[in-house]
Amino acid sequence: MTTGAMQHRQNPQLVLWQLTTGCNLRCRHCRATVTERTSPEDLSYPECLNVVNQLARYAPLVLLLGGGEPLWRRDVFDIARHAARRRLRVELTSNGTLVDETMAERIQEAGIARVSISLDGSEAASHDEFRGLQGAFGVAVHGIRCLAATGVPTQINTTVTKRNGHQLAAMLELAAQLGVKAVHLFIVVPVGCGLTVAKEESLSGHEAEEILSWFYEQASKTRMELTASCAASNGRTVRPRPAREGSAGIPLAPAPHYGLQAVTNGCLAGHGVCFISHVGEVYPCGYLPVSAGNLRDEKFHDIWEHAEVLERLRRPEELEAQCEVCEFRNVCSGCRTRAYEHGGRAPGAEPGYRNEPRGICQVQ
């Protein structure tokens, strides 16, 4: 991703692919409406190979296989092997409960470069309650250890709410003990099951800002990669505020090199990132429910290069309200999903922020 001003169209660098909605858990914040079985509407194995072949046009890129629970699909390793042969870097995101010694070996043999395991707390009580299964924490930690034993790099994904925000320091300690390569924080996005979480436990703008600032500071103290996802304002949080008389839209200098992993340069929806659903719908990200096209009817190239929704997201001049005049719009831009859910328009202002005179952005 770039670290300066957001570009217009660029080649996809990360494609998140929901292989299935089938899953063994019922996580309260999940983007998907999960089922206990794989759906008959899931892309078939031949269709999946066709999608991989289309994505290979843009190789190298990261192809993140997810769900639901991607290990719920019996052909997941065949899909992964085919993608790896086509020069795609294949990664997997899982709840970790299905990963034992045998599964870890199959993951390693399929050429999967990294596995992300979700842990939503530093201890069992908070994680298990969030994931809807008693014992999920212990099994997920065991899965991380099994992957480490096979040499597969691992990452911990943590969804941050009021309920577990105070555990983040302990989470980083646990991650270091487990030898993971990266920790990614996700600020809850109010879609799917996350609508319930958002009402009860979502962070205020001020609380999120405090956590992001703290997280950025930790990046200089560890060898782990620390990244905040679904936190568009992080690009602004880690940069000094420009003078009030600065012109809106002027690109800021890149952030310092240390801790650069912690910077996500604004909302990435449509900017080198997109999401493919289990039925082939292409979305700007996994949360923004505005389809750019379906791979059963169109080619990925045509969607990525020409879909109107993606083109609009790549034009910061189309942002509205306070986001339009804010001098941080090229490094923040606000979360387009939160804007969409709040006002029904993706270019609108992200709720939770307001402007002072001359466009200085303040959290509420």
Protein backbone atom coordinates (compact mmCIF):
# COMPACT_ATOMS: atom_id res chain seq x y z
CA MET A 1 0.00 0.00 0.00
CA THR A 2 1.12 3.56 -0.50
CA THR A 3 2.09 5.75 2.43
CA GLY A 4 1.47 9.16 0.92
CA ALA A 5 -1.56 10.45 -0.92
CA MET A 6 -4.10 7.86 -2.01
CA GLN A 7 -3.73 6.96 -5.64
CA HIS A 8 -6.49 6.47 -8.16
CA ARG A 9 -6.56 3.00 -9.68
CA GLN A 10 -3.76 0.59 -8.92
CA ASN A 11 -3.40 -3.12 -9.34
CA PRO A 12 -5.05 -5.19 -6.62
CA GLN A 13 -2.59 -6.04 -3.88
CA LEU A 14 -4.94 -7.91 -1.54
CA VAL A 15 -8.03 -9.89 -2.50
CA LEU A 16 -10.13 -11.28 0.34
CA TRP A 17 -12.16 -14.28 -0.75
CA GLN A 18 -15.07 -15.70 1.19
CA LEU A 19 -14.93 -19.30 0.00
CA THR A 20 -18.01 -20.31 1.97
CA THR A 21 -20.44 -19.16 4.64
CA GLY A 22 -20.21 -22.56 6.30
CA CYS A 23 -18.72 -22.36 9.79
CA ASN A 24 -18.68 -24.18 13.13
CA LEU A 25 -18.91 -20.97 15.20
CA ARG A 26 -21.46 -18.17 15.58
CA CYS A 27 -19.27 -15.14 16.20
CA ARG A 28 -21.22 -12.05 17.25
CA HIS A 29 -19.35 -9.65 14.96
CA CYS A 30 -19.08 -11.78 11.81
CA ARG A 31 -19.61 -10.09 8.43
CA ALA A 32 -21.37 -13.20 7.13
CA THR A 33 -24.69 -14.85 7.88
CA VAL A 34 -23.07 -18.18 8.61
CA THR A 35 -24.54 -21.66 8.34
CA GLU A 36 -23.47 -25.05 9.67
CA ARG A 37 -23.03 -26.37 6.14
CA THR A 38 -21.44 -25.10 2.97
CA SER A 39 -23.99 -23.43 0.74
CA PRO A 40 -25.07 -24.96 -2.58
CA GLU A 41 -24.65 -21.41 -3.94
CA ASP A 42 -20.91 -21.39 -3.19
CA LEU A 43 -18.72 -21.07 -6.25
CA SER A 44 -17.96 -24.57 -7.51
CA TYR A 45 -14.44 -25.91 -7.66
CA PRO A 46 -14.12 -25.25 -11.44
CA GLU A 47 -15.50 -21.74 -10.90
CA CYS A 48 -12.94 -21.16 -8.15
CA LEU A 49 -10.09 -22.23 -10.43
CA ASN A 50 -11.39 -19.81 -13.05
CA VAL A 51 -11.39 -16.98 -10.51
CA VAL A 52 -7.80 -17.82 -9.54
CA ASN A 53 -6.75 -17.76 -13.18
CA GLN A 54 -8.30 -14.31 -13.62
CA LEU A 55 -6.59 -12.97 -10.51
CA ALA A 56 -3.27 -14.35 -11.72
CA ARG A 57 -3.27 -11.62 -14.36
CA TYR A 58 -2.37 -9.24 -11.52
CA ALA A 59 0.17 -11.50 -9.80
CA PRO A 60 1.92 -11.18 -7.52
CA LEU A 61 -0.79 -10.29 -5.02
CA VAL A 62 -2.01 -11.64 -1.70
CA LEU A 63 -5.04 -13.93 -1.92
CA LEU A 64 -6.60 -14.30 1.53
CA LEU A 65 -8.91 -17.32 1.75
CA GLY A 66 -11.64 -16.86 4.34
CA GLY A 67 -15.24 -17.62 5.16
CA GLY A 68 -17.23 -18.48 7.29
CA GLU A 69 -14.54 -20.98 8.01
CA PRO A 70 -12.52 -21.77 4.85
CA LEU A 71 -11.39 -25.12 6.27
CA TRP A 72 -15.06 -26.13 6.08
CA ARG A 73 -14.55 -26.55 2.31
CA ARG A 74 -13.02 -29.89 1.40
CA ASP A 75 -11.34 -28.49 -1.71
CA VAL A 76 -9.70 -25.51 0.03
CA PHE A 77 -6.21 -26.99 -0.27
CA ASP A 78 -6.66 -27.79 -3.96
CA ILE A 79 -7.69 -24.17 -4.55
CA ALA A 80 -4.71 -22.95 -2.51
CA ARG A 81 -2.23 -25.12 -4.43
CA HIS A 82 -3.56 -23.91 -7.76
CA ALA A 83 -3.29 -20.28 -6.66
CA ALA A 84 0.26 -20.77 -5.41
CA ARG A 85 1.23 -22.28 -8.77
CA ARG A 86 -0.15 -19.14 -10.44
CA ARG A 87 2.26 -16.94 -8.42
CA LEU A 88 -0.31 -15.72 -5.92
CA ARG A 89 0.72 -15.48 -2.28
CA VAL A 90 -1.95 -17.55 -0.55
CA GLU A 91 -2.91 -16.82 3.03
CA LEU A 92 -5.71 -18.25 5.16
CA THR A 93 -7.87 -16.74 7.88
CA SER A 94 -9.46 -19.16 10.33
CA ASN A 95 -11.06 -19.32 13.75
CA GLY A 96 -8.40 -21.91 14.56
CA THR A 97 -10.69 -24.50 16.11
CA LEU A 98 -10.19 -27.00 13.28
CA VAL A 99 -6.39 -26.73 13.24
CA ASP A 100 -4.65 -29.71 14.80
CA GLU A 101 -1.32 -31.35 13.97
CA THR A 102 -2.68 -33.07 10.86
CA MET A 103 -4.47 -29.98 9.58
CA ALA A 104 -1.35 -27.86 10.13
CA GLU A 105 0.66 -30.25 8.00
CA ARG A 106 -1.94 -30.09 5.22
CA ILE A 107 -1.82 -26.29 5.34
CA GLN A 108 1.95 -26.34 5.05
CA GLU A 109 1.90 -28.83 2.18
CA ALA A 110 -0.63 -26.69 0.25
CA GLY A 111 1.85 -23.82 0.09
CA ILE A 112 -0.15 -21.45 2.29
CA ALA A 113 2.23 -18.66 3.30
CA ARG A 114 0.52 -17.45 6.48
CA VAL A 115 -2.48 -18.32 8.64
CA SER A 116 -4.43 -15.71 10.58
CA ILE A 117 -6.14 -16.98 13.73
CA SER A 118 -8.75 -14.88 15.49
CA LEU A 119 -8.32 -14.27 19.21
CA ASP A 120 -10.66 -11.73 20.75
CA GLY A 121 -9.17 -11.52 24.18
CA SER A 122 -6.10 -12.52 26.16
CA GLU A 123 -8.00 -15.17 28.08
CA ALA A 124 -10.73 -17.72 27.48
CA ALA A 125 -13.71 -15.94 29.02
CA SER A 126 -13.79 -12.94 26.70
CA HIS A 127 -12.85 -14.86 23.56
CA ASP A 128 -15.26 -17.75 24.10
CA GLU A 129 -18.18 -15.43 24.85
CA PHE A 130 -17.48 -13.44 21.69
CA ARG A 131 -17.10 -16.56 19.57
CA GLY A 132 -20.10 -18.40 20.98
CA LEU A 133 -18.29 -21.61 21.92
CA GLN A 134 -16.86 -22.58 25.28
CA GLY A 135 -13.32 -23.85 24.87
CA ALA A 136 -12.74 -21.99 21.57
CA PHE A 137 -9.83 -20.00 23.03
CA GLY A 138 -7.82 -23.03 24.11
CA VAL A 139 -8.36 -24.83 20.81
CA ALA A 140 -7.38 -21.74 18.80
CA VAL A 141 -4.16 -21.28 20.81
CA HIS A 142 -3.39 -24.97 20.24
CA GLY A 143 -3.91 -24.40 16.51
CA ILE A 144 -1.36 -21.58 16.53
CA ARG A 145 1.15 -23.84 18.26
CA CYS A 146 0.52 -26.64 15.74
CA LEU A 147 1.16 -24.26 12.85
CA ALA A 148 4.34 -23.00 14.50
CA ALA A 149 5.57 -26.58 14.82
CA THR A 150 5.22 -27.05 11.04
CA GLY A 151 6.94 -23.73 10.28
CA VAL A 152 3.83 -21.95 8.96
CA PRO A 153 3.93 -18.24 9.95
CA THR A 154 0.92 -17.12 11.97
CA GLN A 155 -0.95 -13.91 12.67
CA ILE A 156 -3.44 -13.02 15.39
CA ASN A 157 -6.54 -11.02 14.43
CA THR A 158 -8.29 -9.21 17.27
CA THR A 159 -11.62 -7.43 16.99
CA VAL A 160 -11.59 -4.55 19.46
CA THR A 161 -14.65 -3.51 21.46
CA LYS A 162 -15.28 -1.93 24.84
CA ARG A 163 -15.33 -5.46 26.26
CA ASN A 164 -11.73 -6.37 25.42
CA GLY A 165 -9.92 -3.09 24.78
CA HIS A 166 -8.26 -3.23 28.20
CA GLN A 167 -6.71 -6.60 27.30
CA LEU A 168 -4.66 -5.41 24.33
CA ALA A 169 -1.36 -5.17 26.20
CA ALA A 170 -1.84 -8.73 27.44
CA MET A 171 -2.78 -9.77 23.91
CA LEU A 172 0.56 -8.53 22.59
CA GLU A 173 2.37 -10.40 25.36
CA LEU A 174 0.51 -13.59 24.47
CA ALA A 175 1.27 -13.10 20.78
CA ALA A 176 4.98 -12.74 21.56
CA GLN A 177 4.92 -15.90 23.67
CA LEU A 178 3.27 -17.82 20.84
CA GLY A 179 5.84 -16.55 18.33
CA VAL A 180 3.34 -15.08 15.88
CA LYS A 181 4.62 -12.86 13.08
CA ALA A 182 1.87 -10.24 13.17
CA VAL A 183 -1.04 -8.84 15.15
CA HIS A 184 -3.89 -7.09 13.37
CA LEU A 185 -6.49 -5.02 15.20
CA PHE A 186 -9.96 -4.66 13.72
CA ILE A 187 -12.32 -1.92 14.84
CA VAL A 188 -15.89 -3.29 14.69
CA VAL A 189 -17.74 -2.32 11.52
CA PRO A 190 -21.55 -2.14 11.94
CA VAL A 191 -22.67 -4.76 9.41
CA GLY A 192 -24.14 -8.23 9.74
CA CYS A 193 -23.88 -9.49 13.31
CA GLY A 194 -21.69 -6.47 13.97
CA LEU A 195 -24.82 -4.30 14.07
CA THR A 196 -25.65 -5.79 17.47
CA VAL A 197 -22.10 -5.42 18.71
CA ALA A 198 -21.93 -1.84 17.43
CA LYS A 199 -24.94 -0.76 19.48
CA GLU A 200 -23.73 -2.26 22.73
CA GLU A 201 -19.97 -2.35 22.68
CA SER A 202 -18.48 -0.39 19.80
CA LEU A 203 -15.77 2.13 20.58
CA SER A 204 -16.44 5.83 20.41
CA GLY A 205 -14.28 7.88 18.08
CA HIS A 206 -12.25 9.11 21.05
CA GLU A 207 -11.73 5.60 22.44
CA ALA A 208 -10.68 4.25 19.05
CA GLU A 209 -8.22 7.11 18.62
CA GLU A 210 -6.61 6.40 21.98
CA ILE A 211 -6.22 2.72 21.15
CA LEU A 212 -4.80 3.43 17.70
CA SER A 213 -2.26 5.89 19.11
CA TRP A 214 -1.19 3.38 21.76
CA PHE A 215 -0.98 0.59 19.18
CA TYR A 216 1.20 2.68 16.91
CA GLU A 217 3.58 3.36 19.77
CA GLN A 218 3.93 -0.38 20.43
CA ALA A 219 5.15 -0.97 16.87
CA SER A 220 8.55 0.47 17.76
CA LYS A 221 8.90 -1.95 20.68
CA THR A 222 8.41 -5.29 18.94
CA ARG A 223 9.54 -7.27 15.93
CA MET A 224 5.99 -8.34 15.24
CA GLU A 225 4.09 -6.61 12.45
CA LEU A 226 1.37 -4.49 14.01
CA THR A 227 -1.45 -3.31 11.75
CA ALA A 228 -4.77 -1.62 12.45
CA SER A 229 -7.45 -2.66 9.97
CA CYS A 230 -10.85 -1.05 9.39
CA ALA A 231 -9.42 2.04 11.08
CA ALA A 232 -9.23 4.61 8.31
CA SER A 233 -8.38 7.46 10.66
CA ASN A 234 -5.17 5.72 11.68
CA GLY A 235 -3.46 7.39 8.73
CA ARG A 236 -4.24 10.71 10.41
CA THR A 237 -3.65 9.58 13.99
CA VAL A 238 0.02 8.75 13.46
CA ARG A 239 0.84 11.97 11.60
CA PRO A 240 1.35 15.43 13.09
CA ARG A 241 -1.54 17.77 12.40
CA PRO A 242 -0.79 20.25 9.61
CA ALA A 243 -1.20 23.97 10.21
CA ARG A 244 -4.78 25.24 10.24
CA GLU A 245 -4.16 27.36 7.20
CA GLY A 246 -3.13 24.34 5.11
CA SER A 247 -5.26 23.67 2.04
CA ALA A 248 -7.68 20.75 2.11
CA GLY A 249 -6.53 17.73 0.15
CA ILE A 250 -2.80 18.48 0.19
CA PRO A 251 -0.96 15.14 0.53
CA LEU A 252 1.00 14.78 3.76
CA ALA A 253 4.53 13.49 4.07
CA PRO A 254 4.89 9.74 4.66
CA ALA A 255 4.79 8.54 8.24
CA PRO A 256 8.09 7.73 9.98
CA HIS A 257 9.66 4.45 8.91
CA TYR A 258 9.49 2.90 12.37
CA GLY A 259 6.18 1.24 12.98
CA LEU A 260 5.16 1.68 9.36
CA GLN A 261 3.29 -1.64 9.53
CA ALA A 262 0.81 0.03 11.87
CA VAL A 263 -0.32 2.51 9.24
CA THR A 264 -3.27 1.75 7.01
CA ASN A 265 -3.51 4.64 4.60
CA GLY A 266 -7.13 5.57 4.94
CA CYS A 267 -10.04 3.40 3.87
CA LEU A 268 -8.61 0.75 1.55
CA ALA A 269 -11.92 -0.24 -0.06
CA GLY A 270 -11.28 -0.31 -3.81
CA HIS A 271 -7.71 0.97 -3.36
CA GLY A 272 -5.66 -2.13 -4.04
CA VAL A 273 -8.15 -4.17 -2.00
CA CYS A 274 -11.42 -5.91 -2.79
CA PHE A 275 -13.62 -8.72 -1.51
CA ILE A 276 -15.12 -11.69 -3.37
CA SER A 277 -18.17 -13.33 -1.82
CA HIS A 278 -18.95 -17.03 -1.81
CA VAL A 279 -21.31 -16.51 -4.78
CA GLY A 280 -18.83 -14.46 -6.81
CA GLU A 281 -19.97 -10.92 -5.99
CA VAL A 282 -17.10 -8.42 -5.96
CA TYR A 283 -17.29 -5.71 -3.30
CA PRO A 284 -14.91 -2.85 -2.45
CA CYS A 285 -14.27 -4.57 0.89
CA GLY A 286 -15.81 -7.26 3.02
CA TYR A 287 -18.14 -4.84 4.77
CA LEU A 288 -19.39 -2.32 2.20
CA PRO A 289 -22.56 -3.94 0.74
CA VAL A 290 -22.39 -2.30 -2.71
CA SER A 291 -21.60 -4.81 -5.45
CA ALA A 292 -19.20 -3.93 -8.24
CA GLY A 293 -20.17 -6.97 -10.31
CA ASN A 294 -20.38 -10.76 -10.24
CA LEU A 295 -17.65 -13.09 -11.49
CA ARG A 296 -20.25 -15.51 -12.78
CA ASP A 297 -21.24 -12.86 -15.32
CA GLU A 298 -18.17 -10.63 -15.73
CA LYS A 299 -14.39 -10.84 -15.78
CA PHE A 300 -12.44 -9.67 -12.76
CA HIS A 301 -10.38 -7.40 -14.99
CA ASP A 302 -13.46 -5.58 -16.26
CA ILE A 303 -14.86 -5.16 -12.76
CA TRP A 304 -11.60 -3.93 -11.23
CA GLU A 305 -10.81 -1.56 -14.05
CA HIS A 306 -14.26 -0.14 -14.83
CA ALA A 307 -16.85 -0.69 -12.07
CA GLU A 308 -18.41 2.66 -11.18
CA VAL A 309 -18.47 2.04 -7.42
CA LEU A 310 -14.74 1.33 -7.37
CA GLU A 311 -13.93 4.33 -9.55
CA ARG A 312 -15.86 6.65 -7.23
CA LEU A 313 -14.09 5.32 -4.14
CA ARG A 314 -10.76 6.09 -5.80
CA ARG A 315 -11.60 9.77 -6.19
CA PRO A 316 -11.11 11.62 -2.89
CA GLU A 317 -12.62 14.74 -4.45
CA GLU A 318 -16.02 13.01 -4.29
CA LEU A 319 -16.01 12.75 -0.50
CA GLU A 320 -18.81 14.71 1.13
CA ALA A 321 -19.49 16.85 4.21
CA GLN A 322 -16.54 17.27 6.60
CA CYS A 323 -14.53 14.59 4.79
CA GLU A 324 -14.67 16.76 1.67
CA VAL A 325 -12.88 19.71 3.28
CA CYS A 326 -10.64 17.89 5.73
CA GLU A 327 -6.94 18.25 4.94
CA PHE A 328 -6.46 14.63 6.01
CA ARG A 329 -8.76 13.23 3.34
CA ASN A 330 -5.84 11.77 1.34
CA VAL A 331 -4.48 9.83 4.31
CA CYS A 332 -7.71 9.13 6.22
CA SER A 333 -10.81 9.45 4.02
CA GLY A 334 -12.98 7.92 6.74
CA CYS A 335 -14.43 4.41 6.70
CA ARG A 336 -16.71 4.22 3.67
CA THR A 337 -18.78 1.42 5.22
CA ARG A 338 -19.52 3.39 8.36
CA ALA A 339 -20.48 6.35 6.18
CA TYR A 340 -22.76 4.13 4.09
CA GLU A 341 -24.45 2.55 7.09
CA HIS A 342 -24.92 5.94 8.74
CA GLY A 343 -26.29 7.92 5.82
CA GLY A 344 -26.84 5.49 2.95
CA ARG A 345 -24.04 7.00 0.85
CA ALA A 346 -20.50 5.65 0.65
CA PRO A 347 -18.97 9.12 -0.10
CA GLY A 348 -20.59 10.61 3.01
CA ALA A 349 -18.83 11.59 6.23
CA GLU A 350 -17.87 8.89 8.69
CA PRO A 351 -19.98 9.23 11.86
CA GLY A 352 -18.08 9.94 15.06
CA TYR A 353 -15.98 12.78 13.65
CA ARG A 354 -16.61 16.51 13.26
CA ASN A 355 -14.75 19.49 11.89
CA GLU A 356 -13.41 22.54 13.64
CA PRO A 357 -13.09 25.69 11.53
CA ARG A 358 -10.71 25.41 8.60
CA GLY A 359 -11.11 21.66 8.35
CA ILE A 360 -9.30 20.41 11.44
CA CYS A 361 -10.77 16.97 12.14
CA GLN A 362 -11.63 16.15 15.76
CA VAL A 363 -13.01 12.91 17.15
CA GLN A 364 -16.14 12.98 19.26
